[in-house]
Amino acid sequence: MRKIFFAASILICLLMCGCSQNNMREYTENIFAMDTVMDLKIYSENDEALSEAKAEIRRIDTLFDRGNENSDIYKINKNKSADVSAETADVIRTALSISDRTGGAFDITVAPVMDLWGFYGNEFNVPSDDELQSTLEGVGYEKIRFDNTNISIPENTGIDLGGIGKGYASDRIANLLKNKGVKSAIISLGGNVHAICKRNDESEWTVGITDPHNKSQLIGKLKISDKAVITSGAYQRYFEQGGITYHHIIDPTTGKSADSGLASVTVIADSGMTADGLSTALFVMGLDKAIELWRGSSDFDAVFVDEGGMIYVTEGIADVFESDADYSICKRND
């Protein structure tokens, strides 16, 4: 018998207390887009910004949905060469820069392998080694070619922006809300959390990180403002077949579920795209390589939970992280 499981990556703990300031009112909305439920909470004088945020999410969903004939990604995958919007081209360039940075641990050309496993259409299947090897011939971010905004790929290659698209959407929504004068907001795009400024009572937002070994509990909490917090975990989307669990975070070098010793990776960054792409890449890389990358970087921090339940927190967020469990602090000069 085959069992299918889905779970949200991050739980948001909004401990709203006290009165609203500056005559701001709370407006909330949830919508289904990018194949997930999204929650938006803003504090503003009216809900105009919220309506515009919803419209922007739907626009980005259409632009990047590889199953939508009107999307740029569909056109690339179908025709193998297509003129796309400057926006799409910029997002793909950012994805490729993350691929370069992580040695290919993040790769948007893994789409055909995701399809082979059935993760895209939720028709799950365990492919043979021969099927995987054949499909892997089309995987490789270096296969993508640019001519200004014309993007081309080989016949056996496909692109999927699912590993970075929600991060991009959160960046766009955060900027939109700020430009509309919203002083306080929290958006959760399927668990990808982006906090705009502080809470309406001037305290920081509290974001809870799910325990990957017990999805009904938190393994820790973060106090944040103006940050994206994005988790990739083996528990988020997976299926069981023949007594074996297969999760959706694919190692581009093997075509199989990443077996890195990590159960979840949470990345905290100013940029949602950075946090989104790196959370996947660091999971694939494993703890040692992930910490090595962090030590050479200055644009993110992270919380790692390994398969044994050990927690590792990078020192840049050690003072805003709390947990009832013991955890180790990773330092840059260790």
C-alpha atoms as a PDB file:
ATOM      1  CA  MET A   1       0.000   0.000   0.000  1.00  0.00           C
ATOM      2  CA  ARG A   2       1.202   3.490  -0.798  1.00  0.00           C
ATOM      3  CA  LYS A   3       0.692   6.378   1.581  1.00  0.00           C
ATOM      4  CA  ILE A   4       0.929  10.058   0.623  1.00  0.00           C
ATOM      5  CA  PHE A   5       1.694  12.840   3.075  1.00  0.00           C
ATOM      6  CA  PHE A   6       1.884  16.615   2.916  1.00  0.00           C
ATOM      7  CA  ALA A   7       2.803  19.083   5.659  1.00  0.00           C
ATOM      8  CA  ALA A   8       3.440  22.823   6.016  1.00  0.00           C
ATOM      9  CA  SER A   9       7.055  23.780   6.548  1.00  0.00           C
ATOM     10  CA  ILE A  10       6.745  26.511   9.161  1.00  0.00           C
ATOM     11  CA  LEU A  11       4.175  27.346  11.763  1.00  0.00           C
ATOM     12  CA  ILE A  12       3.689  31.030  12.507  1.00  0.00           C
ATOM     13  CA  CYS A  13       3.150  32.011  16.099  1.00  0.00           C
ATOM     14  CA  LEU A  14       1.558  35.442  16.076  1.00  0.00           C
ATOM     15  CA  LEU A  15       1.220  36.338  19.702  1.00  0.00           C
ATOM     16  CA  MET A  16      -0.763  39.488  19.097  1.00  0.00           C
ATOM     17  CA  CYS A  17      -1.311  41.392  22.287  1.00  0.00           C
ATOM     18  CA  GLY A  18      -1.943  45.019  23.093  1.00  0.00           C
ATOM     19  CA  CYS A  19      -3.823  47.569  21.047  1.00  0.00           C
ATOM     20  CA  SER A  20      -3.219  48.677  17.489  1.00  0.00           C
ATOM     21  CA  GLN A  21      -1.313  51.907  17.074  1.00  0.00           C
ATOM     22  CA  ASN A  22      -1.721  54.793  14.641  1.00  0.00           C
ATOM     23  CA  ASN A  23      -5.317  53.820  13.877  1.00  0.00           C
ATOM     24  CA  MET A  24      -4.160  50.832  11.864  1.00  0.00           C
ATOM     25  CA  ARG A  25      -6.608  47.988  11.360  1.00  0.00           C
ATOM     26  CA  GLU A  26      -5.854  44.324  10.874  1.00  0.00           C
ATOM     27  CA  TYR A  27      -6.780  42.786   7.530  1.00  0.00           C
ATOM     28  CA  THR A  28      -6.323  39.111   6.717  1.00  0.00           C
ATOM     29  CA  GLU A  29      -6.778  36.979   3.652  1.00  0.00           C
ATOM     30  CA  ASN A  30      -5.970  33.490   2.506  1.00  0.00           C
ATOM     31  CA  ILE A  31      -5.812  32.313  -1.068  1.00  0.00           C
ATOM     32  CA  PHE A  32      -4.783  29.203  -2.952  1.00  0.00           C
ATOM     33  CA  ALA A  33      -1.995  29.831  -5.439  1.00  0.00           C
ATOM     34  CA  MET A  34       1.304  28.224  -6.493  1.00  0.00           C
ATOM     35  CA  ASP A  35      -0.228  24.900  -5.459  1.00  0.00           C
ATOM     36  CA  THR A  36      -0.469  25.887  -1.790  1.00  0.00           C
ATOM     37  CA  VAL A  37      -2.541  27.844   0.711  1.00  0.00           C
ATOM     38  CA  MET A  38      -1.214  31.343   1.376  1.00  0.00           C
ATOM     39  CA  ASP A  39      -2.039  33.556   4.355  1.00  0.00           C
ATOM     40  CA  LEU A  40      -1.598  37.321   4.450  1.00  0.00           C
ATOM     41  CA  LYS A  41      -1.988  39.584   7.486  1.00  0.00           C
ATOM     42  CA  ILE A  42      -1.443  43.336   7.235  1.00  0.00           C
ATOM     43  CA  TYR A  43      -1.971  46.379   9.428  1.00  0.00           C
ATOM     44  CA  SER A  44      -3.127  49.350   7.418  1.00  0.00           C
ATOM     45  CA  GLU A  45      -5.737  52.086   7.212  1.00  0.00           C
ATOM     46  CA  ASN A  46      -7.582  50.094   4.518  1.00  0.00           C
ATOM     47  CA  ASP A  47      -7.400  46.809   2.621  1.00  0.00           C
ATOM     48  CA  GLU A  48      -6.319  48.266  -0.725  1.00  0.00           C
ATOM     49  CA  ALA A  49      -2.769  46.930  -0.355  1.00  0.00           C
ATOM     50  CA  LEU A  50      -4.092  43.472   0.508  1.00  0.00           C
ATOM     51  CA  SER A  51      -6.162  43.354  -2.679  1.00  0.00           C
ATOM     52  CA  GLU A  52      -3.152  44.378  -4.750  1.00  0.00           C
ATOM     53  CA  ALA A  53      -1.002  41.742  -3.022  1.00  0.00           C
ATOM     54  CA  LYS A  54      -3.496  39.016  -3.925  1.00  0.00           C
ATOM     55  CA  ALA A  55      -3.547  40.145  -7.549  1.00  0.00           C
ATOM     56  CA  GLU A  56       0.265  40.151  -7.652  1.00  0.00           C
ATOM     57  CA  ILE A  57       0.476  36.610  -6.286  1.00  0.00           C
ATOM     58  CA  ARG A  58      -1.932  35.385  -8.957  1.00  0.00           C
ATOM     59  CA  ARG A  59       0.050  37.199 -11.665  1.00  0.00           C
ATOM     60  CA  ILE A  60       3.303  35.554 -10.571  1.00  0.00           C
ATOM     61  CA  ASP A  61       1.574  32.181 -10.324  1.00  0.00           C
ATOM     62  CA  THR A  62       0.463  32.477 -13.950  1.00  0.00           C
ATOM     63  CA  LEU A  63       3.900  33.653 -15.044  1.00  0.00           C
ATOM     64  CA  PHE A  64       5.792  30.722 -13.516  1.00  0.00           C
ATOM     65  CA  ASP A  65       3.307  27.808 -13.519  1.00  0.00           C
ATOM     66  CA  ARG A  66       4.811  25.279 -15.910  1.00  0.00           C
ATOM     67  CA  GLY A  67       1.419  23.617 -16.314  1.00  0.00           C
ATOM     68  CA  ASN A  68      -0.222  26.831 -17.535  1.00  0.00           C
ATOM     69  CA  GLU A  69      -0.073  27.402 -21.297  1.00  0.00           C
ATOM     70  CA  ASN A  70       0.141  31.157 -20.674  1.00  0.00           C
ATOM     71  CA  SER A  71       3.242  30.930 -18.494  1.00  0.00           C
ATOM     72  CA  ASP A  72       6.773  31.731 -19.551  1.00  0.00           C
ATOM     73  CA  ILE A  73       8.017  28.446 -18.119  1.00  0.00           C
ATOM     74  CA  TYR A  74       5.470  26.419 -20.089  1.00  0.00           C
ATOM     75  CA  LYS A  75       6.625  28.133 -23.294  1.00  0.00           C
ATOM     76  CA  ILE A  76      10.280  27.373 -22.596  1.00  0.00           C
ATOM     77  CA  ASN A  77       9.618  23.725 -21.774  1.00  0.00           C
ATOM     78  CA  LYS A  78       7.294  23.136 -24.714  1.00  0.00           C
ATOM     79  CA  ASN A  79       9.224  24.964 -27.438  1.00  0.00           C
ATOM     80  CA  LYS A  80      12.739  24.533 -25.983  1.00  0.00           C
ATOM     81  CA  SER A  81      13.351  28.168 -26.899  1.00  0.00           C
ATOM     82  CA  ALA A  82      11.167  31.144 -26.026  1.00  0.00           C
ATOM     83  CA  ASP A  83      11.210  34.881 -25.565  1.00  0.00           C
ATOM     84  CA  VAL A  84      10.163  35.567 -21.977  1.00  0.00           C
ATOM     85  CA  SER A  85       9.587  38.603 -19.809  1.00  0.00           C
ATOM     86  CA  ALA A  86      12.588  40.391 -18.338  1.00  0.00           C
ATOM     87  CA  GLU A  87      11.166  39.438 -14.952  1.00  0.00           C
ATOM     88  CA  THR A  88      11.244  35.710 -15.694  1.00  0.00           C
ATOM     89  CA  ALA A  89      14.728  35.986 -17.167  1.00  0.00           C
ATOM     90  CA  ASP A  90      15.990  37.751 -14.023  1.00  0.00           C
ATOM     91  CA  VAL A  91      14.512  35.067 -11.738  1.00  0.00           C
ATOM     92  CA  ILE A  92      16.112  32.308 -13.808  1.00  0.00           C
ATOM     93  CA  ARG A  93      19.457  34.136 -13.694  1.00  0.00           C
ATOM     94  CA  THR A  94      19.151  34.358  -9.898  1.00  0.00           C
ATOM     95  CA  ALA A  95      18.378  30.637  -9.750  1.00  0.00           C
ATOM     96  CA  LEU A  96      21.477  29.878 -11.805  1.00  0.00           C
ATOM     97  CA  SER A  97      23.623  32.046  -9.532  1.00  0.00           C
ATOM     98  CA  ILE A  98      22.418  29.996  -6.549  1.00  0.00           C
ATOM     99  CA  SER A  99      23.261  26.847  -8.523  1.00  0.00           C
ATOM    100  CA  ASP A 100      26.787  28.146  -9.138  1.00  0.00           C
ATOM    101  CA  ARG A 101      27.141  29.134  -5.504  1.00  0.00           C
ATOM    102  CA  THR A 102      26.084  25.694  -4.233  1.00  0.00           C
ATOM    103  CA  GLY A 103      27.883  23.521  -6.760  1.00  0.00           C
ATOM    104  CA  GLY A 104      24.635  22.490  -8.409  1.00  0.00           C
ATOM    105  CA  ALA A 105      22.878  21.356  -5.222  1.00  0.00           C
ATOM    106  CA  PHE A 106      20.065  23.684  -6.294  1.00  0.00           C
ATOM    107  CA  ASP A 107      19.046  23.093  -9.909  1.00  0.00           C
ATOM    108  CA  ILE A 108      15.853  24.244 -11.652  1.00  0.00           C
ATOM    109  CA  THR A 109      16.422  21.703 -14.467  1.00  0.00           C
ATOM    110  CA  VAL A 110      15.558  18.832 -12.132  1.00  0.00           C
ATOM    111  CA  ALA A 111      11.950  19.130 -13.382  1.00  0.00           C
ATOM    112  CA  PRO A 112      11.982  15.946 -15.536  1.00  0.00           C
ATOM    113  CA  VAL A 113      13.198  13.929 -12.558  1.00  0.00           C
ATOM    114  CA  MET A 114      10.435  15.372 -10.359  1.00  0.00           C
ATOM    115  CA  ASP A 115       7.980  14.312 -13.056  1.00  0.00           C
ATOM    116  CA  LEU A 116       9.476  10.817 -13.170  1.00  0.00           C
ATOM    117  CA  TRP A 117       8.829  10.431  -9.431  1.00  0.00           C
ATOM    118  CA  GLY A 118       5.345  11.911  -9.846  1.00  0.00           C
ATOM    119  CA  PHE A 119       5.897  14.784  -7.438  1.00  0.00           C
ATOM    120  CA  TYR A 120       4.612  17.382  -9.893  1.00  0.00           C
ATOM    121  CA  GLY A 121       1.286  15.729 -10.697  1.00  0.00           C
ATOM    122  CA  ASN A 122       0.964  13.789  -7.412  1.00  0.00           C
ATOM    123  CA  GLU A 123       0.876  10.485  -9.302  1.00  0.00           C
ATOM    124  CA  PHE A 124       3.707   8.905  -7.373  1.00  0.00           C
ATOM    125  CA  ASN A 125       6.042   6.316  -8.827  1.00  0.00           C
ATOM    126  CA  VAL A 126       9.400   4.757  -7.941  1.00  0.00           C
ATOM    127  CA  PRO A 127      11.452   4.824 -11.142  1.00  0.00           C
ATOM    128  CA  SER A 128      14.031   2.246 -12.091  1.00  0.00           C
ATOM    129  CA  ASP A 129      17.731   3.087 -12.034  1.00  0.00           C
ATOM    130  CA  ASP A 130      17.772   2.951 -15.840  1.00  0.00           C
ATOM    131  CA  GLU A 131      14.898   5.448 -16.030  1.00  0.00           C
ATOM    132  CA  LEU A 132      16.701   7.758 -13.626  1.00  0.00           C
ATOM    133  CA  GLN A 133      19.989   7.616 -15.496  1.00  0.00           C
ATOM    134  CA  SER A 134      18.287   8.350 -18.791  1.00  0.00           C
ATOM    135  CA  THR A 135      16.342  11.284 -17.348  1.00  0.00           C
ATOM    136  CA  LEU A 136      19.402  12.687 -15.567  1.00  0.00           C
ATOM    137  CA  GLU A 137      21.035  13.210 -18.957  1.00  0.00           C
ATOM    138  CA  GLY A 138      18.803  16.275 -19.354  1.00  0.00           C
ATOM    139  CA  VAL A 139      19.568  17.706 -15.906  1.00  0.00           C
ATOM    140  CA  GLY A 140      22.155  20.428 -15.482  1.00  0.00           C
ATOM    141  CA  TYR A 141      21.669  24.138 -14.912  1.00  0.00           C
ATOM    142  CA  GLU A 142      24.588  24.877 -17.231  1.00  0.00           C
ATOM    143  CA  LYS A 143      22.431  23.624 -20.130  1.00  0.00           C
ATOM    144  CA  ILE A 144      20.269  26.776 -19.988  1.00  0.00           C
ATOM    145  CA  ARG A 145      21.234  29.345 -22.604  1.00  0.00           C
ATOM    146  CA  PHE A 146      20.441  33.076 -22.646  1.00  0.00           C
ATOM    147  CA  ASP A 147      20.220  35.553 -25.500  1.00  0.00           C
ATOM    148  CA  ASN A 148      18.935  38.627 -23.675  1.00  0.00           C
ATOM    149  CA  THR A 149      15.406  37.458 -22.732  1.00  0.00           C
ATOM    150  CA  ASN A 150      15.378  34.485 -25.097  1.00  0.00           C
ATOM    151  CA  ILE A 151      15.960  31.301 -23.135  1.00  0.00           C
ATOM    152  CA  SER A 152      16.714  27.944 -24.721  1.00  0.00           C
ATOM    153  CA  ILE A 153      17.200  24.444 -23.333  1.00  0.00           C
ATOM    154  CA  PRO A 154      18.017  21.032 -24.863  1.00  0.00           C
ATOM    155  CA  GLU A 155      15.221  18.728 -25.975  1.00  0.00           C
ATOM    156  CA  ASN A 156      15.487  16.476 -22.896  1.00  0.00           C
ATOM    157  CA  THR A 157      15.666  19.336 -20.354  1.00  0.00           C
ATOM    158  CA  GLY A 158      12.869  21.041 -18.428  1.00  0.00           C
ATOM    159  CA  ILE A 159      12.653  23.955 -16.012  1.00  0.00           C
ATOM    160  CA  ASP A 160      10.658  24.284 -12.784  1.00  0.00           C
ATOM    161  CA  LEU A 161      10.822  27.402 -10.582  1.00  0.00           C
ATOM    162  CA  GLY A 162       9.038  25.723  -7.669  1.00  0.00           C
ATOM    163  CA  GLY A 163      12.192  25.897  -5.548  1.00  0.00           C
ATOM    164  CA  ILE A 164      12.506  29.670  -5.838  1.00  0.00           C
ATOM    165  CA  GLY A 165       9.164  31.013  -7.089  1.00  0.00           C
ATOM    166  CA  LYS A 166       7.464  31.476  -3.722  1.00  0.00           C
ATOM    167  CA  GLY A 167      10.577  33.195  -2.401  1.00  0.00           C
ATOM    168  CA  TYR A 168      10.420  35.604  -5.327  1.00  0.00           C
ATOM    169  CA  ALA A 169       6.701  36.160  -4.703  1.00  0.00           C
ATOM    170  CA  SER A 170       7.348  36.980  -1.056  1.00  0.00           C
ATOM    171  CA  ASP A 171       9.977  39.553  -2.054  1.00  0.00           C
ATOM    172  CA  ARG A 172       7.559  41.159  -4.498  1.00  0.00           C
ATOM    173  CA  ILE A 173       4.719  41.249  -1.973  1.00  0.00           C
ATOM    174  CA  ALA A 174       6.947  42.680   0.760  1.00  0.00           C
ATOM    175  CA  ASN A 175       8.065  45.498  -1.540  1.00  0.00           C
ATOM    176  CA  LEU A 176       4.514  46.125  -2.740  1.00  0.00           C
ATOM    177  CA  LEU A 177       3.163  46.397   0.802  1.00  0.00           C
ATOM    178  CA  LYS A 178       5.924  48.741   1.894  1.00  0.00           C
ATOM    179  CA  ASN A 179       5.391  50.935  -1.155  1.00  0.00           C
ATOM    180  CA  LYS A 180       1.690  51.107  -0.280  1.00  0.00           C
ATOM    181  CA  GLY A 181       2.542  52.409   3.178  1.00  0.00           C
ATOM    182  CA  VAL A 182       1.958  49.190   5.125  1.00  0.00           C
ATOM    183  CA  LYS A 183       4.084  49.383   8.276  1.00  0.00           C
ATOM    184  CA  SER A 184       3.455  45.896   9.619  1.00  0.00           C
ATOM    185  CA  ALA A 185       2.625  42.609   7.899  1.00  0.00           C
ATOM    186  CA  ILE A 186       3.346  38.901   7.844  1.00  0.00           C
ATOM    187  CA  ILE A 187       2.890  36.708   4.805  1.00  0.00           C
ATOM    188  CA  SER A 188       3.004  32.921   4.698  1.00  0.00           C
ATOM    189  CA  LEU A 189       3.192  31.478   1.217  1.00  0.00           C
ATOM    190  CA  GLY A 190       2.666  27.824   1.933  1.00  0.00           C
ATOM    191  CA  GLY A 191       4.866  28.084   5.014  1.00  0.00           C
ATOM    192  CA  ASN A 192       7.446  30.388   3.415  1.00  0.00           C
ATOM    193  CA  VAL A 193       7.270  33.241   5.893  1.00  0.00           C
ATOM    194  CA  HIS A 194       8.196  36.846   5.177  1.00  0.00           C
ATOM    195  CA  ALA A 195       7.871  39.475   7.893  1.00  0.00           C
ATOM    196  CA  ILE A 196       7.455  43.128   6.947  1.00  0.00           C
ATOM    197  CA  CYS A 197       8.873  45.417   9.627  1.00  0.00           C
ATOM    198  CA  LYS A 198       7.806  44.614  13.202  1.00  0.00           C
ATOM    199  CA  ARG A 199       4.403  43.748  14.631  1.00  0.00           C
ATOM    200  CA  ASN A 200       1.905  46.527  15.078  1.00  0.00           C
ATOM    201  CA  ASP A 201       2.798  46.797  18.767  1.00  0.00           C
ATOM    202  CA  GLU A 202       6.477  47.355  17.777  1.00  0.00           C
ATOM    203  CA  SER A 203       7.626  43.932  19.002  1.00  0.00           C
ATOM    204  CA  GLU A 204       9.254  41.404  16.714  1.00  0.00           C
ATOM    205  CA  TRP A 205       7.355  38.651  14.983  1.00  0.00           C
ATOM    206  CA  THR A 206       7.650  35.132  16.392  1.00  0.00           C
ATOM    207  CA  VAL A 207       8.066  32.394  13.812  1.00  0.00           C
ATOM    208  CA  GLY A 208       7.941  28.787  14.920  1.00  0.00           C
ATOM    209  CA  ILE A 209       9.987  26.062  13.236  1.00  0.00           C
ATOM    210  CA  THR A 210       8.285  22.694  12.896  1.00  0.00           C
ATOM    211  CA  ASP A 211       9.909  19.654  14.465  1.00  0.00           C
ATOM    212  CA  PRO A 212      10.618  17.478  11.401  1.00  0.00           C
ATOM    213  CA  HIS A 213      10.291  14.366  13.561  1.00  0.00           C
ATOM    214  CA  ASN A 214       6.929  15.403  15.032  1.00  0.00           C
ATOM    215  CA  LYS A 215       4.986  17.744  12.772  1.00  0.00           C
ATOM    216  CA  SER A 216       2.487  18.615  15.511  1.00  0.00           C
ATOM    217  CA  GLN A 217       5.192  20.307  17.579  1.00  0.00           C
ATOM    218  CA  LEU A 218       7.732  23.090  17.247  1.00  0.00           C
ATOM    219  CA  ILE A 219      11.437  22.465  17.610  1.00  0.00           C
ATOM    220  CA  GLY A 220      12.232  26.142  18.102  1.00  0.00           C
ATOM    221  CA  LYS A 221      11.159  29.751  17.617  1.00  0.00           C
ATOM    222  CA  LEU A 222      12.737  32.811  16.037  1.00  0.00           C
ATOM    223  CA  LYS A 223      12.167  36.497  16.759  1.00  0.00           C
ATOM    224  CA  ILE A 224      12.415  38.390  13.483  1.00  0.00           C
ATOM    225  CA  SER A 225      11.562  41.570  11.605  1.00  0.00           C
ATOM    226  CA  ASP A 226      12.051  42.336   7.911  1.00  0.00           C
ATOM    227  CA  LYS A 227      13.274  38.817   7.193  1.00  0.00           C
ATOM    228  CA  ALA A 228      12.273  35.801   5.149  1.00  0.00           C
ATOM    229  CA  VAL A 229      12.224  32.462   6.986  1.00  0.00           C
ATOM    230  CA  ILE A 230      11.980  29.411   4.726  1.00  0.00           C
ATOM    231  CA  THR A 231      12.283  25.735   5.584  1.00  0.00           C
ATOM    232  CA  SER A 232      12.996  22.712   3.411  1.00  0.00           C
ATOM    233  CA  GLY A 233      12.316  19.388   5.072  1.00  0.00           C
ATOM    234  CA  ALA A 234      11.917  15.732   4.213  1.00  0.00           C
ATOM    235  CA  TYR A 235       8.625  15.719   6.140  1.00  0.00           C
ATOM    236  CA  GLN A 236       6.923  18.336   3.967  1.00  0.00           C
ATOM    237  CA  ARG A 237       5.993  16.223   0.981  1.00  0.00           C
ATOM    238  CA  TYR A 238       6.612  12.523   0.611  1.00  0.00           C
ATOM    239  CA  PHE A 239       5.113   9.136  -0.088  1.00  0.00           C
ATOM    240  CA  GLU A 240       5.706   5.621   1.130  1.00  0.00           C
ATOM    241  CA  GLN A 241       5.902   2.550  -1.072  1.00  0.00           C
ATOM    242  CA  GLY A 242       7.089  -0.899  -0.167  1.00  0.00           C
ATOM    243  CA  GLY A 243       7.935   0.278   3.338  1.00  0.00           C
ATOM    244  CA  ILE A 244      10.334   2.943   2.023  1.00  0.00           C
ATOM    245  CA  THR A 245       9.804   6.700   2.328  1.00  0.00           C
ATOM    246  CA  TYR A 246      10.582   8.936  -0.649  1.00  0.00           C
ATOM    247  CA  HIS A 247      10.601  12.705  -0.186  1.00  0.00           C
ATOM    248  CA  HIS A 248      10.462  15.503  -2.729  1.00  0.00           C
ATOM    249  CA  ILE A 249      13.890  17.129  -2.202  1.00  0.00           C
ATOM    250  CA  ILE A 250      15.798  15.592  -5.083  1.00  0.00           C
ATOM    251  CA  ASP A 251      19.577  15.446  -5.269  1.00  0.00           C
ATOM    252  CA  PRO A 252      20.324  16.587  -8.848  1.00  0.00           C
ATOM    253  CA  THR A 253      23.379  14.307  -9.042  1.00  0.00           C
ATOM    254  CA  THR A 254      21.529  11.072  -8.203  1.00  0.00           C
ATOM    255  CA  GLY A 255      17.942  11.849  -9.180  1.00  0.00           C
ATOM    256  CA  LYS A 256      16.844  10.388  -5.849  1.00  0.00           C
ATOM    257  CA  SER A 257      15.581  11.858  -2.583  1.00  0.00           C
ATOM    258  CA  ALA A 258      18.522  13.644  -0.975  1.00  0.00           C
ATOM    259  CA  ASP A 259      20.167  11.470   1.671  1.00  0.00           C
ATOM    260  CA  SER A 260      22.329  14.059   3.425  1.00  0.00           C
ATOM    261  CA  GLY A 261      21.701  13.241   7.069  1.00  0.00           C
ATOM    262  CA  LEU A 262      19.516  16.330   7.513  1.00  0.00           C
ATOM    263  CA  ALA A 263      15.796  16.297   8.339  1.00  0.00           C
ATOM    264  CA  SER A 264      15.175  20.014   7.800  1.00  0.00           C
ATOM    265  CA  VAL A 265      16.958  23.260   6.985  1.00  0.00           C
ATOM    266  CA  THR A 266      15.556  26.686   7.824  1.00  0.00           C
ATOM    267  CA  VAL A 267      17.192  29.686   6.162  1.00  0.00           C
ATOM    268  CA  ILE A 268      16.790  33.252   7.415  1.00  0.00           C
ATOM    269  CA  ALA A 269      17.667  36.028   4.977  1.00  0.00           C
ATOM    270  CA  ASP A 270      16.661  39.483   3.782  1.00  0.00           C
ATOM    271  CA  SER A 271      15.783  37.983   0.400  1.00  0.00           C
ATOM    272  CA  GLY A 272      13.019  35.428  -0.002  1.00  0.00           C
ATOM    273  CA  MET A 273      14.634  34.109  -3.186  1.00  0.00           C
ATOM    274  CA  THR A 274      17.935  33.580  -1.396  1.00  0.00           C
ATOM    275  CA  ALA A 275      16.249  31.814   1.509  1.00  0.00           C
ATOM    276  CA  ASP A 276      14.107  29.664  -0.795  1.00  0.00           C
ATOM    277  CA  GLY A 277      16.900  28.463  -3.057  1.00  0.00           C
ATOM    278  CA  LEU A 278      19.450  27.987  -0.301  1.00  0.00           C
ATOM    279  CA  SER A 279      17.107  26.020   1.969  1.00  0.00           C
ATOM    280  CA  THR A 280      16.851  23.351  -0.722  1.00  0.00           C
ATOM    281  CA  ALA A 281      20.530  23.452  -1.616  1.00  0.00           C
ATOM    282  CA  LEU A 282      21.780  23.231   1.974  1.00  0.00           C
ATOM    283  CA  PHE A 283      19.505  20.255   2.619  1.00  0.00           C
ATOM    284  CA  VAL A 284      21.023  18.451  -0.376  1.00  0.00           C
ATOM    285  CA  MET A 285      24.575  19.426   0.607  1.00  0.00           C
ATOM    286  CA  GLY A 286      24.406  18.099   4.162  1.00  0.00           C
ATOM    287  CA  LEU A 287      25.495  19.715   7.415  1.00  0.00           C
ATOM    288  CA  ASP A 288      29.262  20.009   6.948  1.00  0.00           C
ATOM    289  CA  LYS A 289      29.158  21.484   3.444  1.00  0.00           C
ATOM    290  CA  ALA A 290      26.215  23.706   4.383  1.00  0.00           C
ATOM    291  CA  ILE A 291      28.083  25.202   7.342  1.00  0.00           C
ATOM    292  CA  GLU A 292      31.160  25.657   5.171  1.00  0.00           C
ATOM    293  CA  LEU A 293      29.060  27.647   2.684  1.00  0.00           C
ATOM    294  CA  TRP A 294      27.544  29.729   5.506  1.00  0.00           C
ATOM    295  CA  ARG A 295      30.991  30.559   6.872  1.00  0.00           C
ATOM    296  CA  GLY A 296      31.961  31.987   3.510  1.00  0.00           C
ATOM    297  CA  SER A 297      28.743  34.003   3.194  1.00  0.00           C
ATOM    298  CA  SER A 298      27.231  37.068   4.793  1.00  0.00           C
ATOM    299  CA  ASP A 299      23.649  37.079   3.496  1.00  0.00           C
ATOM    300  CA  PHE A 300      21.927  34.290   5.464  1.00  0.00           C
ATOM    301  CA  ASP A 301      21.719  32.332   8.686  1.00  0.00           C
ATOM    302  CA  ALA A 302      20.248  28.911   9.260  1.00  0.00           C
ATOM    303  CA  VAL A 303      18.817  26.335  11.630  1.00  0.00           C
ATOM    304  CA  PHE A 304      19.689  22.713  10.825  1.00  0.00           C
ATOM    305  CA  VAL A 305      17.979  19.641  12.281  1.00  0.00           C
ATOM    306  CA  ASP A 306      19.632  16.325  11.528  1.00  0.00           C
ATOM    307  CA  GLU A 307      18.017  12.915  11.264  1.00  0.00           C
ATOM    308  CA  GLY A 308      18.963  12.162  14.868  1.00  0.00           C
ATOM    309  CA  GLY A 309      17.151  15.269  16.147  1.00  0.00           C
ATOM    310  CA  MET A 310      20.251  17.370  16.858  1.00  0.00           C
ATOM    311  CA  ILE A 311      19.813  21.112  16.267  1.00  0.00           C
ATOM    312  CA  TYR A 312      22.515  23.413  14.903  1.00  0.00           C
ATOM    313  CA  VAL A 313      22.038  27.185  14.843  1.00  0.00           C
ATOM    314  CA  THR A 314      24.364  29.642  13.102  1.00  0.00           C
ATOM    315  CA  GLU A 315      25.694  32.313  15.436  1.00  0.00           C
ATOM    316  CA  GLY A 316      24.096  35.222  13.551  1.00  0.00           C
ATOM    317  CA  ILE A 317      20.663  34.255  14.888  1.00  0.00           C
ATOM    318  CA  ALA A 318      21.685  32.592  18.153  1.00  0.00           C
ATOM    319  CA  ASP A 319      20.373  35.524  20.177  1.00  0.00           C
ATOM    320  CA  VAL A 320      16.907  35.411  18.555  1.00  0.00           C
ATOM    321  CA  PHE A 321      16.468  31.622  18.562  1.00  0.00           C
ATOM    322  CA  GLU A 322      14.941  29.698  21.453  1.00  0.00           C
ATOM    323  CA  SER A 323      14.201  26.026  21.980  1.00  0.00           C
ATOM    324  CA  ASP A 324      13.330  23.695  24.834  1.00  0.00           C
ATOM    325  CA  ALA A 325      15.786  21.219  23.352  1.00  0.00           C
ATOM    326  CA  ASP A 326      19.576  21.445  23.518  1.00  0.00           C
ATOM    327  CA  TYR A 327      21.236  22.903  20.452  1.00  0.00           C
ATOM    328  CA  SER A 328      24.704  23.707  19.196  1.00  0.00           C
ATOM    329  CA  ILE A 329      25.799  27.122  17.932  1.00  0.00           C
ATOM    330  CA  CYS A 330      27.875  27.123  14.748  1.00  0.00           C
ATOM    331  CA  LYS A 331      30.545  29.808  14.777  1.00  0.00           C
ATOM    332  CA  ARG A 332      32.363  31.302  11.833  1.00  0.00           C
ATOM    333  CA  ASN A 333      35.824  30.755  13.263  1.00  0.00           C
ATOM    334  CA  ASP A 334      35.473  27.208  14.591  1.00  0.00           C
END
